[in-house]
Every structure is written in structure tokens, then in C-alpha cells.
Amino acid sequence: MNFTEKLNLLTTQSQSQIEKSKKVQAMLAGSLAQQDYVKFLVVLYPIVSNFCPVMALAAGHAADKNQQIVNYLYDHIYEEKGHEQLVLNDLKSFEVDVTPIAELPAVPPVQAMLAFNYYSASHVHPVCVFGMMYVLEIMASVYGGRAARSLAANLNRNSMEGFSFLDSHADLDQDHVIKLRNLFQSFTDESSQAALLNSIKMNFYLFEKIMDY
């Protein structure tokens, strides 16, 4: 198989596995309890707050080596910066005190995801960061909007009242996924392709563990 075929197969198989998660199914059906949704947002926060720093680290390691990667990451950092505030705003809408959120230790699978992505971006290959971006943006574009609408309807809320992070990323990240896949076509050397595919595989796996935590 060529790179695109491997990417498509990995994506399809990984999404199929994640869709078996009881939490994912409950979110899409709108049956997830409010306290469990709040817990999901708390778990999600350190991923979102570290998204831009991981990209910045990868951009630093790609500097003077691949300007295309650097430019893409800088543009994406600009688009994503401050999105952790959306998560905090959603929590506040459920009357959660967000003061200690940033100081809470991330749950184990989130720690593993962040550790993998920081390490791989700096010690393996800068393209590894796109594995994290690709997986998170697929999750948001394919499932985020559906989950936001279903949960909001079940809790008799507007989708922007407590679900702004998921809802706002549905369309935005669909465009991001298309742009990422176009970017991937420029990675023609085997080492870049192998590093990227491994990162995508690991991030899908770790995201599945996060949803099952």
C-alpha cells in the first residue's frame, strides 16, 4: 500500500474502534449524564491547553529544515490559541469553579498523550505533531458537532451554552482535516511518512483510552 492507502485504512479502523466506546455512543445519543459531560471537559482541558505549546515546539525543531511545516504550524497556532478558554467557559455554564482546573493533574491517558507528543515532536520528527492534530481534529469534525447538539437537546440547552468548544470546532476542524491531508502529500520521504503514521496510530489509541477512562 502507498502512504495514502495506509492513512485511509488506519483512519477508518481507528474511528471504528473509537465508535465502540460507550462514552462516545452516549455523547452522540445525547444520553451522557451532565456530571459525566462535565468530567469529560475537565479531562479534555489539559489537551486543549497544551495543543499550541506542542505545535510551537515542533515548529522550533522544524526551523531551518522545512519552512512549509513551520508556516503551517504558525498559522494553526494563531487559529487555535486561547481555545482552552472555551472549555473553561463551558464548565462555568454548569456552575463549575474553574479556578483549580489548570492545577489539577491530567488523568493517566492524557498524561501519556501529552508526553508522547512532546517527546516525538522534539526527539523523533517534527511531523509527528501532525498526528496529534489530525486525530483531534477528526474527532472534533466528525463527532463534536453531533455530540454538542444531542447533549444540548437532552439537557434543554442551547448548543453554545456549555457546548461551545465542541460545537465551534465541528465545521472549523473539518476544513483543518482537509488541509492537513493535503499537507501530508508533501511528505514524500519514507522516514517522514513512517513517523507521521506512527503518531496518528498512537494518538488514536490514546484518545480511545481517554474516552474509556
N, C-alpha and C. Protein backbone atom coordinates (compact mmCIF):
# COMPACT_ATOMS: atom_id res chain seq x y z
N MET A 1 0.84 -1.21 0.00
CA MET A 1 0.00 0.00 0.00
C MET A 1 0.87 1.25 0.00
N ASN A 2 0.38 2.27 -0.67
CA ASN A 2 1.09 3.55 -0.62
C ASN A 2 0.69 4.31 0.64
N PHE A 3 1.29 5.48 0.84
CA PHE A 3 1.06 6.23 2.07
C PHE A 3 -0.42 6.59 2.25
N THR A 4 -1.06 7.08 1.20
CA THR A 4 -2.46 7.49 1.31
C THR A 4 -3.35 6.31 1.67
N GLU A 5 -3.10 5.17 1.09
CA GLU A 5 -3.89 3.97 1.40
C GLU A 5 -3.70 3.56 2.86
N LYS A 6 -2.46 3.63 3.33
CA LYS A 6 -2.19 3.30 4.73
C LYS A 6 -2.91 4.28 5.66
N LEU A 7 -2.88 5.56 5.30
CA LEU A 7 -3.54 6.60 6.10
C LEU A 7 -5.04 6.36 6.17
N ASN A 8 -5.63 6.07 5.01
CA ASN A 8 -7.08 5.84 4.97
C ASN A 8 -7.48 4.62 5.79
N LEU A 9 -6.72 3.55 5.66
CA LEU A 9 -7.02 2.32 6.40
C LEU A 9 -6.87 2.55 7.90
N LEU A 10 -5.80 3.20 8.31
CA LEU A 10 -5.57 3.48 9.73
C LEU A 10 -6.68 4.36 10.30
N THR A 11 -7.09 5.36 9.54
CA THR A 11 -8.15 6.26 9.99
C THR A 11 -9.47 5.52 10.15
N THR A 12 -9.83 4.74 9.15
CA THR A 12 -11.09 4.01 9.19
C THR A 12 -11.13 3.01 10.34
N GLN A 13 -10.07 2.25 10.49
CA GLN A 13 -10.02 1.24 11.56
C GLN A 13 -10.06 1.90 12.94
N SER A 14 -9.34 3.00 13.09
CA SER A 14 -9.27 3.68 14.39
C SER A 14 -10.60 4.31 14.76
N GLN A 15 -11.25 4.95 13.79
CA GLN A 15 -12.56 5.54 14.07
C GLN A 15 -13.57 4.46 14.44
N SER A 16 -13.51 3.35 13.76
CA SER A 16 -14.42 2.25 14.05
C SER A 16 -14.24 1.76 15.48
N GLN A 17 -12.99 1.70 15.93
CA GLN A 17 -12.70 1.25 17.28
C GLN A 17 -13.20 2.27 18.31
N ILE A 18 -12.96 3.54 18.05
CA ILE A 18 -13.39 4.58 18.97
C ILE A 18 -14.91 4.64 19.07
N GLU A 19 -15.59 4.38 17.98
CA GLU A 19 -17.05 4.43 17.98
C GLU A 19 -17.67 3.33 18.84
N LYS A 20 -16.88 2.36 19.25
CA LYS A 20 -17.37 1.31 20.15
C LYS A 20 -17.40 1.78 21.60
N SER A 21 -16.73 2.90 21.88
CA SER A 21 -16.69 3.43 23.24
C SER A 21 -18.10 3.76 23.73
N LYS A 22 -18.43 3.31 24.92
CA LYS A 22 -19.75 3.60 25.49
C LYS A 22 -19.94 5.10 25.71
N LYS A 23 -18.87 5.79 26.07
CA LYS A 23 -18.98 7.22 26.29
C LYS A 23 -19.23 7.96 24.99
N VAL A 24 -18.54 7.57 23.93
CA VAL A 24 -18.76 8.19 22.62
C VAL A 24 -20.19 7.95 22.17
N GLN A 25 -20.66 6.73 22.32
CA GLN A 25 -22.03 6.40 21.92
C GLN A 25 -23.03 7.21 22.73
N ALA A 26 -22.79 7.36 24.03
CA ALA A 26 -23.70 8.13 24.88
C ALA A 26 -23.70 9.61 24.51
N MET A 27 -22.54 10.14 24.17
CA MET A 27 -22.46 11.55 23.77
C MET A 27 -23.21 11.78 22.48
N LEU A 28 -23.05 10.89 21.51
CA LEU A 28 -23.72 11.06 20.23
C LEU A 28 -25.22 10.87 20.36
N ALA A 29 -25.64 10.02 21.29
CA ALA A 29 -27.06 9.79 21.52
C ALA A 29 -27.68 10.84 22.43
N GLY A 30 -26.83 11.67 23.06
CA GLY A 30 -27.32 12.69 23.96
C GLY A 30 -27.70 12.16 25.32
N SER A 31 -27.29 10.93 25.62
CA SER A 31 -27.70 10.29 26.87
C SER A 31 -26.65 10.38 27.98
N LEU A 32 -25.52 11.02 27.69
CA LEU A 32 -24.49 11.16 28.71
C LEU A 32 -24.99 12.10 29.81
N ALA A 33 -24.85 11.68 31.06
CA ALA A 33 -25.30 12.49 32.18
C ALA A 33 -24.50 13.79 32.27
N GLN A 34 -25.12 14.82 32.80
CA GLN A 34 -24.46 16.12 32.88
C GLN A 34 -23.15 16.04 33.65
N GLN A 35 -23.13 15.31 34.78
CA GLN A 35 -21.90 15.22 35.57
C GLN A 35 -20.78 14.51 34.82
N ASP A 36 -21.16 13.58 33.95
CA ASP A 36 -20.15 12.88 33.16
C ASP A 36 -19.62 13.77 32.03
N TYR A 37 -20.49 14.62 31.49
CA TYR A 37 -20.04 15.57 30.47
C TYR A 37 -19.09 16.59 31.09
N VAL A 38 -19.41 17.06 32.29
CA VAL A 38 -18.53 17.99 32.99
C VAL A 38 -17.17 17.34 33.24
N LYS A 39 -17.20 16.09 33.66
CA LYS A 39 -15.95 15.36 33.88
C LYS A 39 -15.15 15.26 32.58
N PHE A 40 -15.83 15.03 31.46
CA PHE A 40 -15.17 14.97 30.15
C PHE A 40 -14.47 16.27 29.84
N LEU A 41 -15.11 17.41 30.12
CA LEU A 41 -14.49 18.70 29.85
C LEU A 41 -13.25 18.92 30.71
N VAL A 42 -13.32 18.50 31.96
CA VAL A 42 -12.16 18.62 32.85
C VAL A 42 -11.00 17.77 32.33
N VAL A 43 -11.31 16.57 31.87
CA VAL A 43 -10.29 15.69 31.30
C VAL A 43 -9.71 16.28 30.03
N LEU A 44 -10.56 16.93 29.25
CA LEU A 44 -10.16 17.49 27.96
C LEU A 44 -9.26 18.72 28.10
N TYR A 45 -9.44 19.47 29.17
CA TYR A 45 -8.78 20.77 29.30
C TYR A 45 -7.26 20.74 29.08
N PRO A 46 -6.50 19.84 29.73
CA PRO A 46 -5.05 19.88 29.52
C PRO A 46 -4.62 19.55 28.10
N ILE A 47 -5.43 18.79 27.38
CA ILE A 47 -5.11 18.52 25.97
C ILE A 47 -5.22 19.81 25.18
N VAL A 48 -6.30 20.54 25.40
CA VAL A 48 -6.53 21.79 24.66
C VAL A 48 -5.50 22.84 25.06
N SER A 49 -5.20 22.93 26.35
CA SER A 49 -4.25 23.96 26.80
C SER A 49 -2.82 23.68 26.35
N ASN A 50 -2.53 22.43 26.03
CA ASN A 50 -1.18 22.08 25.56
C ASN A 50 -1.07 21.97 24.03
N PHE A 51 -2.19 22.13 23.35
CA PHE A 51 -2.21 21.96 21.89
C PHE A 51 -1.24 22.93 21.21
N CYS A 52 -1.37 24.21 21.53
CA CYS A 52 -0.48 25.21 20.91
C CYS A 52 0.98 25.06 21.34
N PRO A 53 1.27 24.81 22.63
CA PRO A 53 2.67 24.60 23.01
C PRO A 53 3.34 23.43 22.29
N VAL A 54 2.61 22.34 22.06
CA VAL A 54 3.20 21.21 21.32
C VAL A 54 3.50 21.64 19.89
N MET A 55 2.58 22.37 19.27
CA MET A 55 2.82 22.84 17.90
C MET A 55 4.01 23.80 17.86
N ALA A 56 4.13 24.66 18.85
CA ALA A 56 5.25 25.60 18.88
C ALA A 56 6.58 24.86 19.02
N LEU A 57 6.58 23.81 19.83
CA LEU A 57 7.79 23.00 19.99
C LEU A 57 8.20 22.36 18.67
N ALA A 58 7.22 21.79 17.98
CA ALA A 58 7.51 21.17 16.68
C ALA A 58 8.00 22.20 15.67
N ALA A 59 7.41 23.37 15.68
CA ALA A 59 7.85 24.43 14.77
C ALA A 59 9.29 24.82 15.03
N GLY A 60 9.67 24.86 16.30
CA GLY A 60 11.05 25.18 16.65
C GLY A 60 12.03 24.16 16.11
N HIS A 61 11.64 22.88 16.17
CA HIS A 61 12.53 21.82 15.70
C HIS A 61 12.53 21.70 14.17
N ALA A 62 11.50 22.27 13.52
CA ALA A 62 11.46 22.24 12.06
C ALA A 62 12.12 23.48 11.45
N ALA A 63 12.42 24.47 12.28
CA ALA A 63 13.02 25.71 11.78
C ALA A 63 14.32 25.43 11.04
N ASP A 64 14.49 26.11 9.92
CA ASP A 64 15.68 25.98 9.06
C ASP A 64 15.77 24.62 8.38
N LYS A 65 14.71 23.80 8.54
CA LYS A 65 14.70 22.48 7.90
C LYS A 65 13.54 22.35 6.92
N ASN A 66 12.37 22.83 7.34
CA ASN A 66 11.19 22.73 6.49
C ASN A 66 10.29 23.92 6.77
N GLN A 67 10.43 24.95 5.96
CA GLN A 67 9.68 26.18 6.19
C GLN A 67 8.18 25.97 6.00
N GLN A 68 7.82 25.01 5.15
CA GLN A 68 6.40 24.73 4.93
C GLN A 68 5.72 24.26 6.23
N ILE A 69 6.41 23.39 6.96
CA ILE A 69 5.89 22.91 8.24
C ILE A 69 5.79 24.06 9.23
N VAL A 70 6.84 24.87 9.29
CA VAL A 70 6.86 25.99 10.23
C VAL A 70 5.71 26.95 9.95
N ASN A 71 5.52 27.31 8.69
CA ASN A 71 4.46 28.24 8.33
C ASN A 71 3.08 27.68 8.66
N TYR A 72 2.89 26.40 8.37
CA TYR A 72 1.60 25.76 8.65
C TYR A 72 1.31 25.78 10.15
N LEU A 73 2.31 25.46 10.94
CA LEU A 73 2.12 25.41 12.38
C LEU A 73 1.87 26.80 12.96
N TYR A 74 2.59 27.81 12.48
CA TYR A 74 2.38 29.17 12.97
C TYR A 74 0.95 29.63 12.67
N ASP A 75 0.49 29.34 11.46
CA ASP A 75 -0.88 29.71 11.09
C ASP A 75 -1.89 28.99 11.98
N HIS A 76 -1.62 27.72 12.26
CA HIS A 76 -2.56 26.93 13.05
C HIS A 76 -2.56 27.36 14.52
N ILE A 77 -1.39 27.70 15.01
CA ILE A 77 -1.31 28.20 16.38
C ILE A 77 -2.15 29.46 16.52
N TYR A 78 -2.09 30.33 15.52
CA TYR A 78 -2.88 31.56 15.55
C TYR A 78 -4.37 31.25 15.62
N GLU A 79 -4.81 30.23 14.88
CA GLU A 79 -6.22 29.86 14.86
C GLU A 79 -6.67 29.19 16.16
N GLU A 80 -5.76 28.46 16.79
CA GLU A 80 -6.15 27.65 17.95
C GLU A 80 -5.88 28.32 19.30
N LYS A 81 -5.11 29.39 19.30
CA LYS A 81 -4.72 29.98 20.59
C LYS A 81 -5.95 30.46 21.37
N GLY A 82 -5.91 30.19 22.67
CA GLY A 82 -6.98 30.64 23.54
C GLY A 82 -8.21 29.75 23.58
N HIS A 83 -8.19 28.65 22.84
CA HIS A 83 -9.38 27.80 22.80
C HIS A 83 -9.63 27.06 24.11
N GLU A 84 -8.61 26.99 24.96
CA GLU A 84 -8.83 26.39 26.28
C GLU A 84 -9.84 27.22 27.09
N GLN A 85 -9.94 28.50 26.75
CA GLN A 85 -10.92 29.35 27.45
C GLN A 85 -12.35 28.92 27.12
N LEU A 86 -12.55 28.39 25.91
CA LEU A 86 -13.88 27.88 25.55
C LEU A 86 -14.27 26.73 26.48
N VAL A 87 -13.31 25.87 26.78
CA VAL A 87 -13.58 24.75 27.69
C VAL A 87 -13.95 25.28 29.07
N LEU A 88 -13.19 26.27 29.55
CA LEU A 88 -13.48 26.86 30.86
C LEU A 88 -14.84 27.54 30.87
N ASN A 89 -15.17 28.23 29.78
CA ASN A 89 -16.48 28.88 29.70
C ASN A 89 -17.61 27.87 29.74
N ASP A 90 -17.42 26.74 29.06
CA ASP A 90 -18.43 25.68 29.08
C ASP A 90 -18.60 25.13 30.49
N LEU A 91 -17.51 24.96 31.19
CA LEU A 91 -17.59 24.48 32.57
C LEU A 91 -18.30 25.50 33.45
N LYS A 92 -18.00 26.77 33.26
CA LYS A 92 -18.65 27.81 34.06
C LYS A 92 -20.16 27.81 33.85
N SER A 93 -20.59 27.47 32.63
CA SER A 93 -22.03 27.48 32.35
C SER A 93 -22.76 26.40 33.16
N PHE A 94 -22.00 25.42 33.64
CA PHE A 94 -22.57 24.39 34.51
C PHE A 94 -22.26 24.68 35.98
N GLU A 95 -21.88 25.94 36.24
CA GLU A 95 -21.61 26.42 37.59
C GLU A 95 -20.46 25.67 38.26
N VAL A 96 -19.46 25.34 37.45
CA VAL A 96 -18.25 24.69 37.97
C VAL A 96 -17.22 25.76 38.30
N ASP A 97 -16.59 25.65 39.44
CA ASP A 97 -15.50 26.56 39.81
C ASP A 97 -14.25 26.12 39.04
N VAL A 98 -13.84 26.94 38.10
CA VAL A 98 -12.73 26.55 37.23
C VAL A 98 -11.38 26.99 37.78
N THR A 99 -11.38 27.66 38.92
CA THR A 99 -10.13 28.18 39.49
C THR A 99 -9.03 27.12 39.60
N PRO A 100 -9.35 25.90 40.10
CA PRO A 100 -8.28 24.92 40.27
C PRO A 100 -8.00 24.04 39.05
N ILE A 101 -8.77 24.23 37.96
CA ILE A 101 -8.69 23.31 36.82
C ILE A 101 -7.27 23.19 36.26
N ALA A 102 -6.61 24.33 36.08
CA ALA A 102 -5.27 24.33 35.48
C ALA A 102 -4.23 23.63 36.34
N GLU A 103 -4.50 23.54 37.63
CA GLU A 103 -3.53 22.93 38.55
C GLU A 103 -3.79 21.44 38.77
N LEU A 104 -4.92 20.95 38.31
CA LEU A 104 -5.23 19.53 38.50
C LEU A 104 -4.32 18.66 37.64
N PRO A 105 -3.83 17.53 38.15
CA PRO A 105 -3.04 16.64 37.31
C PRO A 105 -3.93 15.99 36.25
N ALA A 106 -3.42 15.90 35.05
CA ALA A 106 -4.18 15.25 33.98
C ALA A 106 -4.34 13.77 34.31
N VAL A 107 -5.43 13.17 33.82
CA VAL A 107 -5.64 11.74 34.05
C VAL A 107 -4.56 10.97 33.29
N PRO A 108 -4.25 9.74 33.71
CA PRO A 108 -3.12 9.00 33.13
C PRO A 108 -3.08 8.93 31.60
N PRO A 109 -4.18 8.59 30.90
CA PRO A 109 -4.06 8.52 29.44
C PRO A 109 -3.80 9.87 28.79
N VAL A 110 -4.25 10.96 29.43
CA VAL A 110 -3.94 12.29 28.90
C VAL A 110 -2.48 12.61 29.13
N GLN A 111 -1.96 12.26 30.29
CA GLN A 111 -0.53 12.44 30.54
C GLN A 111 0.29 11.68 29.51
N ALA A 112 -0.15 10.47 29.19
CA ALA A 112 0.56 9.65 28.19
C ALA A 112 0.51 10.30 26.82
N MET A 113 -0.66 10.85 26.45
CA MET A 113 -0.80 11.51 25.15
C MET A 113 0.12 12.72 25.06
N LEU A 114 0.11 13.54 26.10
CA LEU A 114 0.94 14.74 26.07
C LEU A 114 2.43 14.39 26.08
N ALA A 115 2.81 13.41 26.89
CA ALA A 115 4.21 13.00 26.95
C ALA A 115 4.68 12.48 25.60
N PHE A 116 3.85 11.65 24.96
CA PHE A 116 4.21 11.11 23.65
C PHE A 116 4.40 12.23 22.64
N ASN A 117 3.47 13.18 22.61
CA ASN A 117 3.53 14.22 21.58
C ASN A 117 4.65 15.22 21.81
N TYR A 118 4.90 15.58 23.06
CA TYR A 118 6.04 16.46 23.33
C TYR A 118 7.35 15.76 22.95
N TYR A 119 7.46 14.49 23.33
CA TYR A 119 8.70 13.75 23.04
C TYR A 119 8.89 13.56 21.54
N SER A 120 7.85 13.06 20.87
CA SER A 120 8.01 12.72 19.45
C SER A 120 8.26 13.96 18.60
N ALA A 121 7.65 15.10 18.98
CA ALA A 121 7.85 16.32 18.20
C ALA A 121 9.27 16.84 18.33
N SER A 122 9.90 16.58 19.47
CA SER A 122 11.25 17.12 19.70
C SER A 122 12.37 16.11 19.48
N HIS A 123 12.07 14.81 19.62
CA HIS A 123 13.12 13.80 19.56
C HIS A 123 12.99 12.79 18.41
N VAL A 124 11.81 12.75 17.78
CA VAL A 124 11.63 11.78 16.69
C VAL A 124 11.60 12.51 15.35
N HIS A 125 10.58 13.32 15.13
CA HIS A 125 10.45 14.07 13.87
C HIS A 125 9.38 15.14 14.07
N PRO A 126 9.61 16.37 13.59
CA PRO A 126 8.60 17.42 13.75
C PRO A 126 7.23 17.07 13.17
N VAL A 127 7.19 16.23 12.13
CA VAL A 127 5.90 15.89 11.52
C VAL A 127 5.01 15.09 12.47
N CYS A 128 5.59 14.56 13.53
CA CYS A 128 4.79 13.78 14.49
C CYS A 128 3.67 14.62 15.09
N VAL A 129 3.87 15.94 15.19
CA VAL A 129 2.84 16.80 15.76
C VAL A 129 1.56 16.73 14.94
N PHE A 130 1.69 16.46 13.65
CA PHE A 130 0.50 16.40 12.81
C PHE A 130 -0.36 15.17 13.11
N GLY A 131 0.24 14.17 13.75
CA GLY A 131 -0.55 13.02 14.18
C GLY A 131 -1.55 13.44 15.24
N MET A 132 -1.09 14.21 16.21
CA MET A 132 -1.98 14.73 17.25
C MET A 132 -3.04 15.64 16.65
N MET A 133 -2.63 16.54 15.77
CA MET A 133 -3.57 17.47 15.15
C MET A 133 -4.62 16.75 14.34
N TYR A 134 -4.18 15.78 13.55
CA TYR A 134 -5.09 15.04 12.67
C TYR A 134 -6.14 14.29 13.48
N VAL A 135 -5.72 13.59 14.50
CA VAL A 135 -6.65 12.79 15.31
C VAL A 135 -7.64 13.68 16.05
N LEU A 136 -7.15 14.71 16.73
CA LEU A 136 -8.05 15.57 17.49
C LEU A 136 -9.03 16.32 16.59
N GLU A 137 -8.57 16.69 15.41
CA GLU A 137 -9.46 17.44 14.53
C GLU A 137 -10.46 16.53 13.82
N ILE A 138 -10.11 15.28 13.61
CA ILE A 138 -11.09 14.33 13.11
C ILE A 138 -12.16 14.09 14.17
N MET A 139 -11.73 13.91 15.40
CA MET A 139 -12.69 13.69 16.48
C MET A 139 -13.66 14.87 16.59
N ALA A 140 -13.14 16.08 16.47
CA ALA A 140 -13.98 17.27 16.59
C ALA A 140 -14.91 17.42 15.40
N SER A 141 -14.38 17.23 14.19
CA SER A 141 -15.19 17.47 12.99
C SER A 141 -16.23 16.39 12.76
N VAL A 142 -15.91 15.14 13.07
CA VAL A 142 -16.83 14.05 12.81
C VAL A 142 -17.85 13.88 13.93
N TYR A 143 -17.39 14.06 15.17
CA TYR A 143 -18.25 13.75 16.31
C TYR A 143 -18.64 14.97 17.16
N GLY A 144 -17.83 16.01 17.15
CA GLY A 144 -18.05 17.13 18.05
C GLY A 144 -19.39 17.81 17.90
N GLY A 145 -19.73 18.20 16.68
CA GLY A 145 -20.98 18.88 16.45
C GLY A 145 -22.19 18.02 16.77
N ARG A 146 -22.13 16.76 16.36
CA ARG A 146 -23.24 15.84 16.64
C ARG A 146 -23.44 15.67 18.14
N ALA A 147 -22.32 15.51 18.86
CA ALA A 147 -22.41 15.33 20.30
C ALA A 147 -22.96 16.58 20.97
N ALA A 148 -22.50 17.75 20.54
CA ALA A 148 -22.95 19.01 21.14
C ALA A 148 -24.45 19.17 20.97
N ARG A 149 -24.94 18.93 19.77
CA ARG A 149 -26.38 19.11 19.51
C ARG A 149 -27.22 18.09 20.28
N SER A 150 -26.76 16.85 20.32
CA SER A 150 -27.52 15.80 21.01
C SER A 150 -27.56 16.05 22.52
N LEU A 151 -26.41 16.39 23.09
CA LEU A 151 -26.35 16.64 24.53
C LEU A 151 -27.14 17.88 24.92
N ALA A 152 -27.03 18.93 24.11
CA ALA A 152 -27.75 20.17 24.40
C ALA A 152 -29.25 19.92 24.37
N ALA A 153 -29.72 19.17 23.38
CA ALA A 153 -31.15 18.89 23.27
C ALA A 153 -31.63 18.09 24.48
N ASN A 154 -30.83 17.11 24.90
CA ASN A 154 -31.23 16.27 26.03
C ASN A 154 -31.27 17.05 27.34
N LEU A 155 -30.40 18.06 27.46
CA LEU A 155 -30.33 18.85 28.69
C LEU A 155 -31.11 20.16 28.56
N ASN A 156 -31.86 20.31 27.46
CA ASN A 156 -32.67 21.51 27.23
C ASN A 156 -31.84 22.78 27.26
N ARG A 157 -30.71 22.75 26.57
CA ARG A 157 -29.83 23.91 26.50
C ARG A 157 -29.57 24.28 25.05
N ASN A 158 -29.14 25.53 24.85
CA ASN A 158 -28.63 25.96 23.56
C ASN A 158 -27.26 25.32 23.37
N SER A 159 -26.94 24.94 22.14
CA SER A 159 -25.66 24.24 21.91
C SER A 159 -24.45 25.08 22.25
N MET A 160 -24.61 26.41 22.33
CA MET A 160 -23.49 27.28 22.69
C MET A 160 -23.43 27.55 24.20
N GLU A 161 -24.37 26.99 24.95
CA GLU A 161 -24.40 27.15 26.40
C GLU A 161 -23.90 25.88 27.08
N GLY A 162 -22.59 25.78 27.15
CA GLY A 162 -21.98 24.61 27.76
C GLY A 162 -21.37 23.66 26.75
N PHE A 163 -21.57 23.94 25.47
CA PHE A 163 -21.08 23.04 24.43
C PHE A 163 -20.34 23.81 23.33
N SER A 164 -19.90 25.01 23.67
CA SER A 164 -19.30 25.89 22.66
C SER A 164 -18.01 25.32 22.07
N PHE A 165 -17.22 24.64 22.90
CA PHE A 165 -15.96 24.10 22.38
C PHE A 165 -16.24 23.04 21.32
N LEU A 166 -17.09 22.08 21.64
CA LEU A 166 -17.40 21.01 20.68
C LEU A 166 -18.11 21.57 19.45
N ASP A 167 -19.09 22.43 19.66
CA ASP A 167 -19.90 22.92 18.56
C ASP A 167 -19.09 23.80 17.61
N SER A 168 -18.25 24.67 18.16
CA SER A 168 -17.50 25.60 17.33
C SER A 168 -16.42 24.92 16.50
N HIS A 169 -15.96 23.76 16.95
CA HIS A 169 -14.89 23.07 16.23
C HIS A 169 -15.40 22.11 15.16
N ALA A 170 -16.69 21.87 15.11
CA ALA A 170 -17.22 20.89 14.16
C ALA A 170 -16.90 21.26 12.72
N ASP A 171 -17.29 22.46 12.29
CA ASP A 171 -17.05 22.90 10.92
C ASP A 171 -15.61 23.34 10.72
N LEU A 172 -15.06 24.04 11.73
CA LEU A 172 -13.69 24.55 11.64
C LEU A 172 -12.69 23.42 11.41
N ASP A 173 -12.83 22.34 12.17
CA ASP A 173 -11.86 21.26 12.07
C ASP A 173 -12.08 20.38 10.86
N GLN A 174 -13.26 20.43 10.27
CA GLN A 174 -13.48 19.71 9.02
C GLN A 174 -12.57 20.29 7.94
N ASP A 175 -12.49 21.61 7.90
CA ASP A 175 -11.61 22.29 6.97
C ASP A 175 -10.15 22.00 7.30
N HIS A 176 -9.83 21.94 8.60
CA HIS A 176 -8.47 21.65 9.02
C HIS A 176 -8.02 20.26 8.57
N VAL A 177 -8.92 19.29 8.67
CA VAL A 177 -8.56 17.92 8.27
C VAL A 177 -8.23 17.87 6.78
N ILE A 178 -9.02 18.57 5.97
CA ILE A 178 -8.76 18.60 4.52
C ILE A 178 -7.39 19.23 4.24
N LYS A 179 -7.10 20.33 4.93
CA LYS A 179 -5.81 21.00 4.73
C LYS A 179 -4.65 20.12 5.19
N LEU A 180 -4.86 19.40 6.30
CA LEU A 180 -3.81 18.51 6.79
C LEU A 180 -3.52 17.40 5.80
N ARG A 181 -4.57 16.79 5.27
CA ARG A 181 -4.36 15.69 4.32
C ARG A 181 -3.65 16.19 3.05
N ASN A 182 -3.93 17.41 2.65
CA ASN A 182 -3.22 18.00 1.51
C ASN A 182 -1.75 18.21 1.86
N LEU A 183 -1.49 18.67 3.08
CA LEU A 183 -0.11 18.87 3.53
C LEU A 183 0.64 17.54 3.56
N PHE A 184 -0.03 16.50 3.99
CA PHE A 184 0.61 15.19 4.09
C PHE A 184 1.19 14.72 2.75
N GLN A 185 0.59 15.16 1.66
CA GLN A 185 1.06 14.73 0.35
C GLN A 185 2.45 15.28 0.02
N SER A 186 2.86 16.31 0.78
CA SER A 186 4.19 16.88 0.54
C SER A 186 5.28 16.11 1.28
N PHE A 187 4.87 15.20 2.17
CA PHE A 187 5.84 14.39 2.91
C PHE A 187 6.13 13.13 2.09
N THR A 188 7.11 13.21 1.24
CA THR A 188 7.35 12.13 0.29
C THR A 188 8.44 11.15 0.74
N ASP A 189 9.25 11.51 1.72
CA ASP A 189 10.30 10.60 2.17
C ASP A 189 9.73 9.60 3.17
N GLU A 190 10.27 8.41 3.14
CA GLU A 190 9.73 7.31 3.95
C GLU A 190 9.82 7.58 5.45
N SER A 191 10.88 8.24 5.89
CA SER A 191 11.03 8.49 7.33
C SER A 191 9.94 9.41 7.85
N SER A 192 9.60 10.45 7.08
CA SER A 192 8.52 11.35 7.48
C SER A 192 7.18 10.63 7.50
N GLN A 193 6.93 9.85 6.48
CA GLN A 193 5.67 9.13 6.39
C GLN A 193 5.52 8.12 7.53
N ALA A 194 6.60 7.40 7.82
CA ALA A 194 6.55 6.40 8.89
C ALA A 194 6.32 7.06 10.25
N ALA A 195 7.02 8.17 10.49
CA ALA A 195 6.87 8.88 11.76
C ALA A 195 5.45 9.42 11.91
N LEU A 196 4.90 9.95 10.83
CA LEU A 196 3.55 10.51 10.87
C LEU A 196 2.51 9.42 11.11
N LEU A 197 2.61 8.32 10.40
CA LEU A 197 1.65 7.23 10.56
C LEU A 197 1.70 6.65 11.97
N ASN A 198 2.90 6.53 12.52
CA ASN A 198 3.02 6.02 13.89
C ASN A 198 2.39 6.99 14.88
N SER A 199 2.58 8.27 14.66
CA SER A 199 1.99 9.27 15.55
C SER A 199 0.47 9.23 15.48
N ILE A 200 -0.06 9.11 14.29
CA ILE A 200 -1.51 9.02 14.14
C ILE A 200 -2.05 7.78 14.84
N LYS A 201 -1.36 6.67 14.67
CA LYS A 201 -1.77 5.42 15.32
C LYS A 201 -1.76 5.57 16.84
N MET A 202 -0.71 6.16 17.38
CA MET A 202 -0.59 6.33 18.83
C MET A 202 -1.66 7.29 19.37
N ASN A 203 -1.90 8.38 18.65
CA ASN A 203 -2.87 9.35 19.13
C ASN A 203 -4.30 8.82 19.08
N PHE A 204 -4.61 8.04 18.06
CA PHE A 204 -5.92 7.38 18.03
C PHE A 204 -6.05 6.42 19.21
N TYR A 205 -5.01 5.65 19.44
CA TYR A 205 -5.03 4.68 20.54
C TYR A 205 -5.20 5.38 21.89
N LEU A 206 -4.44 6.44 22.10
CA LEU A 206 -4.51 7.15 23.38
C LEU A 206 -5.83 7.89 23.54
N PHE A 207 -6.38 8.42 22.44
CA PHE A 207 -7.68 9.07 22.54
C PHE A 207 -8.75 8.06 22.93
N GLU A 208 -8.66 6.87 22.38
CA GLU A 208 -9.61 5.81 22.75
C GLU A 208 -9.52 5.52 24.25
N LYS A 209 -8.29 5.46 24.78
CA LYS A 209 -8.11 5.21 26.21
C LYS A 209 -8.66 6.35 27.06
N ILE A 210 -8.53 7.58 26.55
CA ILE A 210 -9.07 8.74 27.26
C ILE A 210 -10.59 8.64 27.35
N MET A 211 -11.24 8.27 26.26
CA MET A 211 -12.69 8.16 26.25
C MET A 211 -13.18 7.02 27.12
N ASP A 212 -12.35 6.02 27.31
CA ASP A 212 -12.76 4.88 28.14
C ASP A 212 -12.36 5.04 29.60
N TYR A 213 -11.65 6.14 29.91
CA TYR A 213 -11.14 6.30 31.28
C TYR A 213 -12.28 6.56 32.27
